[in-house]
Amino acid sequence: MNMTVETTELDTFLATLREQVQSNKITLDQLRWFAGLDGDKRKKLVLPQAVEVQQVSASILRCISEDAEIVIPATEGKRTIGDAKETFLAGIDADFKNWGANKSCGARLAIPVKVHEMAKDATFSQMFSSLGEEKTKFSFTHDQIITFCEKHRQWLRTDGYGTFFLFESESNFFVAYVRFDDHGRLSVFVLRFEYSSVWRAGRRHRLFVPQL
């Protein structure tokens, strides 16, 4: 029987392992013990857990746009969120500029987008890991995020809750957090991808990803 672990399963398992170390659920001594095992023993330990993590991850998000055609048109890449005052009338987080997260990224072709809604409590890392690809594949440019908010407002989460867009700036990953205020105006905040807080599924935050 082939005991190899699929790459996506292993990546998900390792991401979970890293989070457990950071939260002190696993000690460095335990990791050293694991690293000292021979290959077959490690596979027997990793495979069941990787499969379990994959099964759990699959339920974190649910696609709510299967029958919809949502496309971000081609963008020039010149606009940045930190300066998009006409789009985000309710306010723009100053940390876009404070954190070096307000860089333009060049022109992009039109791209179809899928809309996911949270179905289970999760961190950003767990949400994107559940999609089974490297997070780099789900990254938007600033201009694409602005354009989406202008062209597809009806897909943004309402009722005071959030919509998440992943983006990269100077080799660091961030999440743009878009919300409506009580007057129907948009505000936008920036969070680091490594932000460890767990987002609650009951609020049905939305996550937008390029269609692969």
N, C-alpha and C. Protein backbone atom coordinates (compact mmCIF):
# COMPACT_ATOMS: atom_id res chain seq x y z
N MET A 1 0.85 -1.20 0.00
CA MET A 1 0.00 0.00 0.00
C MET A 1 0.88 1.25 0.00
N ASN A 2 0.53 2.23 -0.86
CA ASN A 2 1.31 3.45 -0.94
C ASN A 2 0.96 4.36 0.23
N MET A 3 1.94 4.71 1.05
CA MET A 3 1.68 5.51 2.24
C MET A 3 2.06 6.97 2.05
N THR A 4 2.30 7.42 0.79
CA THR A 4 2.71 8.80 0.57
C THR A 4 1.58 9.75 0.92
N VAL A 5 1.95 10.97 1.29
CA VAL A 5 0.98 11.99 1.66
C VAL A 5 0.89 13.01 0.54
N GLU A 6 -0.33 13.35 0.11
CA GLU A 6 -0.49 14.37 -0.92
C GLU A 6 0.07 15.70 -0.42
N THR A 7 0.65 16.48 -1.37
CA THR A 7 1.29 17.74 -1.00
C THR A 7 0.35 18.68 -0.29
N THR A 8 -0.90 18.80 -0.79
CA THR A 8 -1.85 19.72 -0.16
C THR A 8 -2.19 19.27 1.25
N GLU A 9 -2.30 17.97 1.47
CA GLU A 9 -2.58 17.44 2.80
C GLU A 9 -1.43 17.75 3.75
N LEU A 10 -0.21 17.55 3.27
CA LEU A 10 0.96 17.77 4.12
C LEU A 10 1.10 19.25 4.44
N ASP A 11 0.88 20.12 3.45
CA ASP A 11 0.97 21.56 3.70
C ASP A 11 -0.04 21.99 4.75
N THR A 12 -1.25 21.45 4.67
CA THR A 12 -2.28 21.79 5.64
C THR A 12 -1.89 21.31 7.03
N PHE A 13 -1.37 20.08 7.10
CA PHE A 13 -0.93 19.53 8.38
C PHE A 13 0.19 20.37 8.99
N LEU A 14 1.17 20.77 8.16
CA LEU A 14 2.29 21.55 8.66
C LEU A 14 1.83 22.94 9.13
N ALA A 15 0.87 23.52 8.42
CA ALA A 15 0.34 24.82 8.85
C ALA A 15 -0.33 24.70 10.21
N THR A 16 -1.08 23.60 10.40
CA THR A 16 -1.73 23.36 11.69
C THR A 16 -0.69 23.12 12.78
N LEU A 17 0.36 22.37 12.43
CA LEU A 17 1.42 22.08 13.39
C LEU A 17 2.10 23.37 13.84
N ARG A 18 2.37 24.27 12.90
CA ARG A 18 3.00 25.54 13.24
C ARG A 18 2.14 26.35 14.20
N GLU A 19 0.83 26.37 13.94
CA GLU A 19 -0.08 27.11 14.82
C GLU A 19 -0.09 26.51 16.23
N GLN A 20 0.01 25.18 16.30
CA GLN A 20 0.02 24.53 17.62
C GLN A 20 1.29 24.84 18.40
N VAL A 21 2.41 24.96 17.68
CA VAL A 21 3.66 25.34 18.35
C VAL A 21 3.55 26.77 18.87
N GLN A 22 3.01 27.68 18.03
CA GLN A 22 2.89 29.08 18.43
C GLN A 22 1.95 29.25 19.62
N SER A 23 0.96 28.38 19.73
CA SER A 23 0.02 28.48 20.84
C SER A 23 0.42 27.59 22.02
N ASN A 24 1.65 27.03 21.94
CA ASN A 24 2.22 26.21 23.03
C ASN A 24 1.46 24.91 23.26
N LYS A 25 0.73 24.42 22.25
CA LYS A 25 0.08 23.13 22.38
C LYS A 25 1.06 21.99 22.09
N ILE A 26 2.14 22.29 21.36
CA ILE A 26 3.20 21.33 21.08
C ILE A 26 4.52 21.99 21.45
N THR A 27 5.38 21.29 22.16
CA THR A 27 6.66 21.85 22.56
C THR A 27 7.73 21.55 21.52
N LEU A 28 8.82 22.30 21.59
CA LEU A 28 9.94 22.05 20.68
C LEU A 28 10.56 20.68 20.93
N ASP A 29 10.57 20.23 22.18
CA ASP A 29 11.08 18.89 22.47
C ASP A 29 10.26 17.82 21.76
N GLN A 30 8.94 18.00 21.72
CA GLN A 30 8.08 17.05 21.02
C GLN A 30 8.35 17.07 19.52
N LEU A 31 8.63 18.25 18.98
CA LEU A 31 8.97 18.34 17.56
C LEU A 31 10.29 17.65 17.26
N ARG A 32 11.27 17.81 18.16
CA ARG A 32 12.56 17.15 17.96
C ARG A 32 12.39 15.63 18.00
N TRP A 33 11.52 15.15 18.90
CA TRP A 33 11.25 13.71 18.97
C TRP A 33 10.65 13.23 17.64
N PHE A 34 9.70 14.00 17.12
CA PHE A 34 9.06 13.64 15.86
C PHE A 34 10.09 13.61 14.72
N ALA A 35 10.97 14.63 14.68
CA ALA A 35 11.97 14.70 13.61
C ALA A 35 12.96 13.54 13.69
N GLY A 36 13.15 12.97 14.90
CA GLY A 36 14.10 11.88 15.06
C GLY A 36 13.57 10.51 14.64
N LEU A 37 12.27 10.41 14.34
CA LEU A 37 11.69 9.14 13.90
C LEU A 37 12.11 8.81 12.48
N ASP A 38 12.13 7.51 12.16
CA ASP A 38 12.44 7.16 10.77
C ASP A 38 11.24 7.46 9.88
N GLY A 39 11.47 7.41 8.58
CA GLY A 39 10.46 7.84 7.61
C GLY A 39 9.12 7.13 7.72
N ASP A 40 9.13 5.81 7.88
CA ASP A 40 7.88 5.05 7.95
C ASP A 40 7.05 5.44 9.17
N LYS A 41 7.72 5.62 10.31
CA LYS A 41 6.99 5.99 11.52
C LYS A 41 6.37 7.39 11.39
N ARG A 42 7.12 8.31 10.76
CA ARG A 42 6.58 9.66 10.57
C ARG A 42 5.36 9.63 9.65
N LYS A 43 5.41 8.80 8.59
CA LYS A 43 4.28 8.71 7.66
C LYS A 43 3.04 8.19 8.37
N LYS A 44 3.23 7.19 9.23
CA LYS A 44 2.09 6.61 9.94
C LYS A 44 1.45 7.63 10.88
N LEU A 45 2.30 8.53 11.42
CA LEU A 45 1.76 9.57 12.31
C LEU A 45 1.12 10.71 11.52
N VAL A 46 1.76 11.10 10.42
CA VAL A 46 1.31 12.26 9.65
C VAL A 46 0.07 11.97 8.84
N LEU A 47 0.02 10.81 8.18
CA LEU A 47 -1.07 10.54 7.23
C LEU A 47 -2.46 10.63 7.85
N PRO A 48 -2.73 9.95 8.96
CA PRO A 48 -4.08 10.05 9.52
C PRO A 48 -4.44 11.47 9.92
N GLN A 49 -3.46 12.20 10.49
CA GLN A 49 -3.74 13.56 10.92
C GLN A 49 -3.94 14.47 9.73
N ALA A 50 -3.14 14.28 8.66
CA ALA A 50 -3.28 15.11 7.47
C ALA A 50 -4.64 14.91 6.84
N VAL A 51 -5.10 13.66 6.76
CA VAL A 51 -6.42 13.39 6.20
C VAL A 51 -7.50 14.02 7.04
N GLU A 52 -7.34 13.92 8.38
CA GLU A 52 -8.33 14.50 9.28
C GLU A 52 -8.39 16.01 9.11
N VAL A 53 -7.20 16.66 9.03
CA VAL A 53 -7.16 18.10 8.85
C VAL A 53 -7.81 18.50 7.54
N GLN A 54 -7.56 17.72 6.47
CA GLN A 54 -8.15 18.03 5.17
C GLN A 54 -9.67 17.94 5.23
N GLN A 55 -10.19 16.92 5.92
CA GLN A 55 -11.63 16.76 6.02
C GLN A 55 -12.26 17.91 6.80
N VAL A 56 -11.59 18.33 7.87
CA VAL A 56 -12.09 19.45 8.66
C VAL A 56 -12.00 20.74 7.86
N SER A 57 -10.86 20.95 7.14
CA SER A 57 -10.65 22.17 6.40
C SER A 57 -11.68 22.35 5.30
N ALA A 58 -12.13 21.24 4.72
CA ALA A 58 -13.07 21.32 3.62
C ALA A 58 -14.38 21.98 4.02
N SER A 59 -14.69 22.00 5.31
CA SER A 59 -15.95 22.56 5.77
C SER A 59 -15.81 23.99 6.27
N ILE A 60 -14.63 24.58 6.21
CA ILE A 60 -14.42 25.93 6.72
C ILE A 60 -15.14 26.96 5.86
N LEU A 61 -15.09 26.80 4.55
CA LEU A 61 -15.71 27.73 3.62
C LEU A 61 -16.70 27.01 2.72
N ARG A 62 -17.73 27.74 2.29
CA ARG A 62 -18.63 27.19 1.28
C ARG A 62 -18.79 28.22 0.17
N CYS A 63 -18.73 27.75 -1.06
CA CYS A 63 -18.87 28.65 -2.20
C CYS A 63 -20.34 29.03 -2.36
N ILE A 64 -20.62 30.32 -2.51
CA ILE A 64 -22.00 30.77 -2.66
C ILE A 64 -22.24 31.40 -4.03
N SER A 65 -21.28 31.20 -4.96
CA SER A 65 -21.43 31.83 -6.28
C SER A 65 -21.25 30.83 -7.42
N GLU A 66 -21.59 29.57 -7.17
CA GLU A 66 -21.38 28.52 -8.17
C GLU A 66 -22.04 28.85 -9.51
N ASP A 67 -23.24 29.39 -9.48
CA ASP A 67 -23.99 29.64 -10.71
C ASP A 67 -23.86 31.07 -11.22
N ALA A 68 -23.00 31.86 -10.59
CA ALA A 68 -22.85 33.26 -10.98
C ALA A 68 -21.56 33.46 -11.78
N GLU A 69 -21.60 34.41 -12.69
CA GLU A 69 -20.40 34.77 -13.45
C GLU A 69 -19.93 36.12 -12.94
N ILE A 70 -18.89 36.08 -12.12
CA ILE A 70 -18.35 37.29 -11.51
C ILE A 70 -16.94 37.52 -12.05
N VAL A 71 -16.74 38.63 -12.71
CA VAL A 71 -15.46 38.90 -13.35
C VAL A 71 -14.96 40.28 -12.95
N ILE A 72 -13.70 40.35 -12.53
CA ILE A 72 -13.05 41.64 -12.34
C ILE A 72 -12.44 42.01 -13.69
N PRO A 73 -12.86 43.11 -14.27
CA PRO A 73 -12.31 43.50 -15.58
C PRO A 73 -10.82 43.82 -15.50
N ALA A 74 -10.19 43.94 -16.65
CA ALA A 74 -8.77 44.27 -16.70
C ALA A 74 -8.50 45.58 -15.96
N THR A 75 -7.40 45.61 -15.23
CA THR A 75 -7.03 46.80 -14.45
C THR A 75 -5.64 47.28 -14.85
N GLU A 76 -5.42 48.58 -14.71
CA GLU A 76 -4.12 49.15 -15.04
C GLU A 76 -3.12 49.00 -13.90
N GLY A 77 -3.62 48.79 -12.69
CA GLY A 77 -2.73 48.59 -11.56
C GLY A 77 -2.17 49.86 -10.95
N LYS A 78 -2.73 50.99 -11.31
CA LYS A 78 -2.18 52.25 -10.81
C LYS A 78 -2.78 52.67 -9.47
N ARG A 79 -3.99 52.24 -9.19
CA ARG A 79 -4.66 52.69 -7.97
C ARG A 79 -4.21 51.89 -6.75
N THR A 80 -4.24 52.53 -5.58
CA THR A 80 -3.94 51.85 -4.32
C THR A 80 -5.09 52.12 -3.34
N ILE A 81 -5.32 51.14 -2.47
CA ILE A 81 -6.44 51.24 -1.54
C ILE A 81 -6.28 52.43 -0.60
N GLY A 82 -5.06 52.69 -0.16
CA GLY A 82 -4.82 53.78 0.79
C GLY A 82 -5.17 55.15 0.25
N ASP A 83 -5.31 55.25 -1.07
CA ASP A 83 -5.64 56.53 -1.70
C ASP A 83 -7.01 56.52 -2.38
N ALA A 84 -7.77 55.43 -2.22
CA ALA A 84 -9.05 55.29 -2.92
C ALA A 84 -10.19 55.88 -2.10
N LYS A 85 -10.11 57.17 -1.83
CA LYS A 85 -11.09 57.83 -0.96
C LYS A 85 -12.48 57.89 -1.58
N GLU A 86 -12.57 57.91 -2.90
CA GLU A 86 -13.88 57.98 -3.55
C GLU A 86 -14.63 56.65 -3.46
N THR A 87 -13.89 55.56 -3.32
CA THR A 87 -14.52 54.24 -3.19
C THR A 87 -14.85 53.93 -1.74
N PHE A 88 -13.93 54.21 -0.85
CA PHE A 88 -14.11 53.90 0.58
C PHE A 88 -14.43 55.18 1.34
N LEU A 89 -15.66 55.63 1.14
CA LEU A 89 -16.08 56.92 1.69
C LEU A 89 -16.15 56.94 3.22
N ALA A 90 -16.35 55.76 3.83
CA ALA A 90 -16.51 55.70 5.28
C ALA A 90 -15.17 55.63 6.01
N GLY A 91 -14.07 55.53 5.27
CA GLY A 91 -12.78 55.55 5.93
C GLY A 91 -11.81 54.51 5.41
N ILE A 92 -10.51 54.84 5.52
CA ILE A 92 -9.42 53.96 5.09
C ILE A 92 -8.42 53.84 6.23
N ASP A 93 -8.08 52.63 6.57
CA ASP A 93 -7.14 52.36 7.65
C ASP A 93 -5.77 52.98 7.32
N ALA A 94 -5.24 53.78 8.25
CA ALA A 94 -3.94 54.42 8.04
C ALA A 94 -2.80 53.41 7.95
N ASP A 95 -3.03 52.18 8.44
CA ASP A 95 -1.96 51.18 8.43
C ASP A 95 -1.64 50.66 7.03
N PHE A 96 -2.49 50.93 6.05
CA PHE A 96 -2.09 50.60 4.68
C PHE A 96 -0.76 51.29 4.36
N LYS A 97 -0.63 52.51 4.79
CA LYS A 97 0.60 53.26 4.55
C LYS A 97 1.64 53.04 5.65
N ASN A 98 1.17 52.95 6.89
CA ASN A 98 2.11 52.76 8.01
C ASN A 98 2.88 51.46 7.90
N TRP A 99 2.22 50.41 7.37
CA TRP A 99 2.84 49.09 7.30
C TRP A 99 3.49 48.80 5.94
N GLY A 100 3.55 49.76 5.07
CA GLY A 100 4.12 49.51 3.75
C GLY A 100 3.25 48.59 2.92
N ALA A 101 1.93 48.70 3.12
CA ALA A 101 0.98 47.80 2.44
C ALA A 101 0.15 48.55 1.42
N ASN A 102 0.70 49.60 0.85
CA ASN A 102 -0.07 50.44 -0.06
C ASN A 102 0.66 50.61 -1.40
N LYS A 103 1.14 49.50 -1.96
CA LYS A 103 1.93 49.53 -3.18
C LYS A 103 1.09 49.07 -4.39
N SER A 104 1.24 49.77 -5.50
CA SER A 104 0.59 49.33 -6.74
C SER A 104 1.34 48.13 -7.30
N CYS A 105 0.66 47.32 -8.11
CA CYS A 105 1.26 46.03 -8.54
C CYS A 105 1.24 45.81 -10.05
N GLY A 106 0.94 46.83 -10.83
CA GLY A 106 0.95 46.65 -12.28
C GLY A 106 -0.36 46.17 -12.84
N ALA A 107 -0.44 46.18 -14.17
CA ALA A 107 -1.68 45.83 -14.87
C ALA A 107 -1.99 44.35 -14.75
N ARG A 108 -3.29 44.02 -14.80
CA ARG A 108 -3.75 42.63 -14.77
C ARG A 108 -4.87 42.45 -15.78
N LEU A 109 -4.96 41.26 -16.36
CA LEU A 109 -6.04 40.91 -17.26
C LEU A 109 -7.32 40.66 -16.47
N ALA A 110 -8.44 40.61 -17.16
CA ALA A 110 -9.71 40.28 -16.50
C ALA A 110 -9.61 38.90 -15.86
N ILE A 111 -10.27 38.74 -14.72
CA ILE A 111 -10.18 37.47 -14.01
C ILE A 111 -11.51 37.12 -13.36
N PRO A 112 -11.97 35.86 -13.53
CA PRO A 112 -13.20 35.43 -12.83
C PRO A 112 -12.92 35.20 -11.36
N VAL A 113 -13.95 35.38 -10.55
CA VAL A 113 -13.80 35.32 -9.09
C VAL A 113 -14.89 34.44 -8.50
N LYS A 114 -14.54 33.70 -7.46
CA LYS A 114 -15.51 32.93 -6.68
C LYS A 114 -15.71 33.57 -5.31
N VAL A 115 -16.92 33.47 -4.80
CA VAL A 115 -17.26 34.03 -3.51
C VAL A 115 -17.49 32.89 -2.52
N HIS A 116 -16.77 32.92 -1.41
CA HIS A 116 -16.92 31.92 -0.36
C HIS A 116 -17.42 32.59 0.91
N GLU A 117 -18.16 31.84 1.69
CA GLU A 117 -18.67 32.34 2.96
C GLU A 117 -18.22 31.39 4.06
N MET A 118 -17.90 31.93 5.22
CA MET A 118 -17.42 31.10 6.31
C MET A 118 -18.52 30.17 6.82
N ALA A 119 -18.16 28.91 7.01
CA ALA A 119 -19.08 27.92 7.56
C ALA A 119 -18.56 27.36 8.88
N LYS A 120 -17.31 27.70 9.21
CA LYS A 120 -16.70 27.20 10.44
C LYS A 120 -15.70 28.23 10.95
N ASP A 121 -15.58 28.37 12.28
CA ASP A 121 -14.62 29.30 12.86
C ASP A 121 -13.22 29.00 12.33
N ALA A 122 -12.45 30.06 12.02
CA ALA A 122 -11.12 29.82 11.46
C ALA A 122 -10.29 31.10 11.49
N THR A 123 -8.97 30.92 11.42
CA THR A 123 -8.04 32.03 11.22
C THR A 123 -7.88 32.24 9.71
N PHE A 124 -7.20 33.32 9.33
CA PHE A 124 -6.92 33.54 7.91
C PHE A 124 -6.14 32.36 7.32
N SER A 125 -5.13 31.91 8.04
CA SER A 125 -4.30 30.81 7.56
C SER A 125 -5.14 29.56 7.30
N GLN A 126 -6.05 29.25 8.20
CA GLN A 126 -6.89 28.07 8.04
C GLN A 126 -7.86 28.24 6.87
N MET A 127 -8.39 29.45 6.70
CA MET A 127 -9.32 29.68 5.58
C MET A 127 -8.64 29.40 4.24
N PHE A 128 -7.48 30.02 4.03
CA PHE A 128 -6.83 29.87 2.74
C PHE A 128 -6.22 28.48 2.56
N SER A 129 -5.74 27.87 3.63
CA SER A 129 -5.23 26.50 3.54
C SER A 129 -6.33 25.53 3.12
N SER A 130 -7.57 25.82 3.54
CA SER A 130 -8.68 24.92 3.22
C SER A 130 -9.00 24.89 1.73
N LEU A 131 -8.50 25.88 0.98
CA LEU A 131 -8.77 25.93 -0.46
C LEU A 131 -7.82 25.05 -1.25
N GLY A 132 -6.79 24.51 -0.59
CA GLY A 132 -5.95 23.49 -1.21
C GLY A 132 -4.87 23.98 -2.14
N GLU A 133 -4.57 25.28 -2.14
CA GLU A 133 -3.51 25.82 -2.98
C GLU A 133 -2.66 26.79 -2.15
N GLU A 134 -1.48 27.14 -2.68
CA GLU A 134 -0.65 28.14 -2.01
C GLU A 134 -1.38 29.48 -1.98
N LYS A 135 -1.23 30.22 -0.91
CA LYS A 135 -1.95 31.49 -0.77
C LYS A 135 -1.59 32.49 -1.86
N THR A 136 -0.40 32.36 -2.46
CA THR A 136 -0.02 33.29 -3.53
C THR A 136 -1.01 33.26 -4.69
N LYS A 137 -1.67 32.14 -4.90
CA LYS A 137 -2.61 32.01 -6.01
C LYS A 137 -3.93 32.74 -5.76
N PHE A 138 -4.17 33.15 -4.52
CA PHE A 138 -5.42 33.81 -4.17
C PHE A 138 -5.24 35.30 -3.93
N SER A 139 -4.08 35.82 -4.29
CA SER A 139 -3.77 37.21 -4.01
C SER A 139 -4.29 38.14 -5.12
N PHE A 140 -4.86 39.26 -4.72
CA PHE A 140 -5.32 40.30 -5.65
C PHE A 140 -4.36 41.49 -5.60
N THR A 141 -4.46 42.36 -6.60
CA THR A 141 -3.78 43.64 -6.54
C THR A 141 -4.73 44.66 -5.90
N HIS A 142 -4.19 45.79 -5.50
CA HIS A 142 -5.03 46.84 -4.93
C HIS A 142 -6.10 47.27 -5.93
N ASP A 143 -5.69 47.46 -7.18
CA ASP A 143 -6.62 47.93 -8.20
C ASP A 143 -7.75 46.92 -8.43
N GLN A 144 -7.44 45.63 -8.37
CA GLN A 144 -8.48 44.61 -8.53
C GLN A 144 -9.47 44.66 -7.37
N ILE A 145 -8.97 44.86 -6.15
CA ILE A 145 -9.86 44.94 -4.98
C ILE A 145 -10.77 46.16 -5.08
N ILE A 146 -10.20 47.29 -5.44
CA ILE A 146 -11.00 48.51 -5.60
C ILE A 146 -12.05 48.30 -6.68
N THR A 147 -11.64 47.73 -7.80
CA THR A 147 -12.56 47.52 -8.92
C THR A 147 -13.69 46.58 -8.53
N PHE A 148 -13.37 45.52 -7.78
CA PHE A 148 -14.42 44.61 -7.33
C PHE A 148 -15.44 45.35 -6.47
N CYS A 149 -14.96 46.15 -5.55
CA CYS A 149 -15.86 46.87 -4.66
C CYS A 149 -16.75 47.85 -5.43
N GLU A 150 -16.27 48.34 -6.55
CA GLU A 150 -17.05 49.27 -7.37
C GLU A 150 -18.03 48.54 -8.29
N LYS A 151 -17.58 47.42 -8.86
CA LYS A 151 -18.38 46.73 -9.88
C LYS A 151 -19.31 45.66 -9.31
N HIS A 152 -18.98 45.11 -8.15
CA HIS A 152 -19.74 43.97 -7.61
C HIS A 152 -20.11 44.19 -6.15
N ARG A 153 -20.58 45.37 -5.83
CA ARG A 153 -20.94 45.70 -4.44
C ARG A 153 -21.97 44.74 -3.86
N GLN A 154 -22.83 44.20 -4.73
CA GLN A 154 -23.91 43.33 -4.25
C GLN A 154 -23.37 42.04 -3.64
N TRP A 155 -22.10 41.69 -3.92
CA TRP A 155 -21.52 40.46 -3.39
C TRP A 155 -20.77 40.69 -2.08
N LEU A 156 -20.62 41.93 -1.68
CA LEU A 156 -19.94 42.21 -0.42
C LEU A 156 -20.86 41.89 0.76
N ARG A 157 -20.28 41.44 1.84
CA ARG A 157 -21.06 41.09 3.04
C ARG A 157 -21.66 42.35 3.64
N THR A 158 -22.90 42.26 4.08
CA THR A 158 -23.59 43.41 4.67
C THR A 158 -23.81 43.19 6.17
N ASP A 159 -24.72 43.94 6.75
CA ASP A 159 -25.10 43.82 8.17
C ASP A 159 -23.94 44.12 9.12
N GLY A 160 -22.98 44.92 8.68
CA GLY A 160 -21.87 45.30 9.54
C GLY A 160 -20.74 44.29 9.61
N TYR A 161 -20.84 43.21 8.84
CA TYR A 161 -19.80 42.19 8.87
C TYR A 161 -18.87 42.35 7.67
N GLY A 162 -17.84 41.50 7.58
CA GLY A 162 -16.74 41.79 6.68
C GLY A 162 -16.60 40.93 5.44
N THR A 163 -15.83 41.48 4.52
CA THR A 163 -15.42 40.80 3.29
C THR A 163 -13.90 40.85 3.24
N PHE A 164 -13.26 39.70 2.96
CA PHE A 164 -11.79 39.61 3.01
C PHE A 164 -11.20 39.46 1.60
N PHE A 165 -10.12 40.22 1.35
CA PHE A 165 -9.35 40.10 0.12
C PHE A 165 -7.88 39.95 0.50
N LEU A 166 -7.24 38.92 0.00
CA LEU A 166 -5.81 38.72 0.24
C LEU A 166 -5.00 39.52 -0.77
N PHE A 167 -3.92 40.17 -0.31
CA PHE A 167 -3.02 40.86 -1.24
C PHE A 167 -1.60 40.82 -0.70
N GLU A 168 -0.66 41.09 -1.59
CA GLU A 168 0.75 41.04 -1.25
C GLU A 168 1.38 42.41 -1.47
N SER A 169 2.27 42.81 -0.57
CA SER A 169 2.98 44.07 -0.70
C SER A 169 4.39 43.91 -0.15
N GLU A 170 5.37 44.16 -1.00
CA GLU A 170 6.77 44.04 -0.60
C GLU A 170 7.07 42.69 0.05
N SER A 171 6.57 41.63 -0.58
CA SER A 171 6.82 40.24 -0.17
C SER A 171 6.12 39.86 1.13
N ASN A 172 5.23 40.72 1.64
CA ASN A 172 4.43 40.40 2.82
C ASN A 172 2.96 40.28 2.42
N PHE A 173 2.24 39.39 3.11
CA PHE A 173 0.84 39.18 2.79
C PHE A 173 -0.05 39.87 3.83
N PHE A 174 -1.10 40.49 3.30
CA PHE A 174 -2.06 41.20 4.13
C PHE A 174 -3.48 40.83 3.69
N VAL A 175 -4.44 41.19 4.53
CA VAL A 175 -5.85 40.99 4.18
C VAL A 175 -6.56 42.33 4.28
N ALA A 176 -7.20 42.73 3.18
CA ALA A 176 -8.05 43.92 3.19
C ALA A 176 -9.43 43.51 3.70
N TYR A 177 -9.91 44.22 4.69
CA TYR A 177 -11.17 43.89 5.37
C TYR A 177 -12.17 45.00 5.06
N VAL A 178 -13.13 44.70 4.18
CA VAL A 178 -14.07 45.70 3.68
C VAL A 178 -15.42 45.56 4.39
N ARG A 179 -16.00 46.70 4.79
CA ARG A 179 -17.29 46.69 5.49
C ARG A 179 -18.17 47.86 5.01
N PHE A 180 -19.48 47.68 5.12
CA PHE A 180 -20.42 48.77 4.93
C PHE A 180 -20.70 49.43 6.28
N ASP A 181 -20.88 50.75 6.26
CA ASP A 181 -21.33 51.40 7.49
C ASP A 181 -22.86 51.51 7.48
N ASP A 182 -23.42 52.17 8.44
CA ASP A 182 -24.88 52.26 8.57
C ASP A 182 -25.52 53.08 7.45
N HIS A 183 -24.70 53.81 6.71
CA HIS A 183 -25.23 54.65 5.63
C HIS A 183 -24.93 54.05 4.25
N GLY A 184 -24.49 52.78 4.23
CA GLY A 184 -24.22 52.12 2.96
C GLY A 184 -22.92 52.53 2.30
N ARG A 185 -22.03 53.15 3.07
CA ARG A 185 -20.73 53.53 2.55
C ARG A 185 -19.69 52.48 2.94
N LEU A 186 -18.66 52.35 2.13
CA LEU A 186 -17.63 51.34 2.39
C LEU A 186 -16.47 51.92 3.20
N SER A 187 -15.98 51.11 4.13
CA SER A 187 -14.72 51.39 4.81
C SER A 187 -13.81 50.19 4.59
N VAL A 188 -12.51 50.39 4.76
CA VAL A 188 -11.56 49.29 4.54
C VAL A 188 -10.45 49.35 5.58
N PHE A 189 -10.12 48.19 6.12
CA PHE A 189 -9.07 48.04 7.12
C PHE A 189 -8.03 47.05 6.58
N VAL A 190 -6.85 47.06 7.16
CA VAL A 190 -5.82 46.11 6.76
C VAL A 190 -5.38 45.30 7.97
N LEU A 191 -5.24 43.99 7.77
CA LEU A 191 -4.77 43.08 8.81
C LEU A 191 -3.62 42.25 8.25
N ARG A 192 -2.71 41.89 9.09
CA ARG A 192 -1.62 41.01 8.65
C ARG A 192 -2.16 39.59 8.46
N PHE A 193 -1.65 38.90 7.46
CA PHE A 193 -2.11 37.55 7.19
C PHE A 193 -1.89 36.65 8.40
N GLU A 194 -0.83 36.92 9.17
CA GLU A 194 -0.49 36.09 10.33
C GLU A 194 -1.38 36.38 11.53
N TYR A 195 -2.29 37.34 11.41
CA TYR A 195 -3.22 37.67 12.50
C TYR A 195 -3.85 36.39 13.03
N SER A 196 -3.67 36.12 14.32
CA SER A 196 -4.01 34.79 14.85
C SER A 196 -5.42 34.66 15.40
N SER A 197 -6.16 35.76 15.44
CA SER A 197 -7.52 35.68 15.99
C SER A 197 -8.42 34.80 15.13
N VAL A 198 -9.35 34.14 15.78
CA VAL A 198 -10.29 33.26 15.08
C VAL A 198 -11.54 34.06 14.72
N TRP A 199 -11.92 34.01 13.44
CA TRP A 199 -13.12 34.69 12.97
C TRP A 199 -14.30 33.74 13.12
N ARG A 200 -15.43 34.27 13.56
CA ARG A 200 -16.59 33.44 13.88
C ARG A 200 -17.46 33.18 12.65
N ALA A 201 -17.77 31.93 12.43
CA ALA A 201 -18.56 31.53 11.27
C ALA A 201 -19.97 32.09 11.31
N GLY A 202 -20.50 32.30 12.52
CA GLY A 202 -21.86 32.79 12.64
C GLY A 202 -22.07 34.14 11.99
N ARG A 203 -21.00 34.88 11.79
CA ARG A 203 -21.12 36.20 11.15
C ARG A 203 -21.01 36.11 9.63
N ARG A 204 -20.70 34.92 9.14
CA ARG A 204 -20.67 34.62 7.70
C ARG A 204 -19.83 35.64 6.91
N HIS A 205 -18.65 35.91 7.45
CA HIS A 205 -17.73 36.75 6.69
C HIS A 205 -17.47 36.11 5.33
N ARG A 206 -17.20 36.93 4.34
CA ARG A 206 -16.98 36.42 2.99
C ARG A 206 -15.52 36.54 2.59
N LEU A 207 -15.14 35.64 1.69
CA LEU A 207 -13.77 35.57 1.21
C LEU A 207 -13.82 35.48 -0.31
N PHE A 208 -13.07 36.33 -0.99
CA PHE A 208 -13.08 36.34 -2.46
C PHE A 208 -11.76 35.81 -2.98
N VAL A 209 -11.83 34.91 -3.95
CA VAL A 209 -10.62 34.31 -4.50
C VAL A 209 -10.71 34.26 -6.02
N PRO A 210 -9.56 34.43 -6.71
CA PRO A 210 -9.57 34.23 -8.16
C PRO A 210 -9.96 32.81 -8.50
N GLN A 211 -10.71 32.62 -9.56
CA GLN A 211 -11.11 31.27 -9.95
C GLN A 211 -9.94 30.60 -10.66
N LEU A 212 -9.46 29.49 -10.11
CA LEU A 212 -8.31 28.80 -10.64
C LEU A 212 -8.71 27.82 -11.74
